[in-house]
Amino acid sequence: MAYVISDACVSCGTCAGECPVGAISEGDGKYVIDANACLDCGSCAGACPTEAISQE
């Protein structure tokens, strides 16, 4: 089950730097996760300062 980024995202970019496969990119107003590339490792969720990332 892929991770998703909620509207609580403040576009800081911390999560993108933590993703080992580059599945996170800047979207319109917040970062987004490519569900097809996500490994479900959770490293992005652990790094998010606003806890905006959770499993779908």
Protein backbone atom coordinates (compact mmCIF):
# COMPACT_ATOMS: atom_id res chain seq x y z
CA MET A 1 0.00 0.00 0.00
CA ALA A 2 1.60 3.26 -1.11
CA TYR A 3 2.10 6.30 1.05
CA VAL A 4 0.21 9.53 0.34
CA ILE A 5 0.82 13.16 1.27
CA SER A 6 -2.07 15.12 2.79
CA ASP A 7 -2.94 18.80 2.53
CA ALA A 8 -0.94 19.33 5.75
CA CYS A 9 2.17 19.34 3.51
CA VAL A 10 4.09 22.63 3.70
CA SER A 11 6.25 21.83 0.63
CA CYS A 12 9.50 21.76 2.59
CA GLY A 13 10.94 18.96 0.42
CA THR A 14 12.32 16.89 3.29
CA CYS A 15 10.43 13.79 2.15
CA ALA A 16 11.78 13.94 -1.41
CA GLY A 17 15.34 13.79 -0.12
CA GLU A 18 14.54 10.73 1.98
CA CYS A 19 12.94 8.63 -0.78
CA PRO A 20 15.42 5.95 -1.95
CA VAL A 21 13.72 5.57 -5.35
CA GLY A 22 12.83 9.18 -6.15
CA ALA A 23 9.08 8.55 -6.02
CA ILE A 24 8.32 11.97 -4.50
CA SER A 25 8.11 15.16 -6.53
CA GLU A 26 6.82 18.68 -6.14
CA GLY A 27 3.17 18.94 -7.11
CA ASP A 28 0.66 21.77 -7.21
CA GLY A 29 0.84 23.26 -3.72
CA LYS A 30 2.26 20.13 -2.06
CA TYR A 31 4.56 17.21 -2.77
CA VAL A 32 3.14 14.02 -4.29
CA ILE A 33 4.16 10.37 -4.23
CA ASP A 34 4.12 8.19 -7.35
CA ALA A 35 2.22 5.14 -6.06
CA ASN A 36 3.69 2.92 -8.77
CA ALA A 37 7.26 3.71 -7.71
CA CYS A 38 6.72 3.80 -3.93
CA LEU A 39 8.43 0.92 -2.09
CA ASP A 40 6.32 1.38 1.06
CA CYS A 41 9.49 1.79 3.11
CA GLY A 42 8.10 4.68 5.19
CA SER A 43 11.30 6.71 5.30
CA CYS A 44 9.43 9.73 3.98
CA ALA A 45 6.76 9.50 6.68
CA GLY A 46 9.39 9.35 9.40
CA ALA A 47 11.12 12.46 8.06
CA CYS A 48 8.04 14.64 7.55
CA PRO A 49 8.01 17.48 10.12
CA THR A 50 4.24 18.02 9.80
CA GLU A 51 3.25 14.31 9.82
CA ALA A 52 1.52 14.86 6.46
CA ILE A 53 2.47 11.43 5.09
CA SER A 54 0.53 8.24 5.81
CA GLN A 55 -0.27 4.93 4.20
CA GLU A 56 -3.17 5.01 1.78
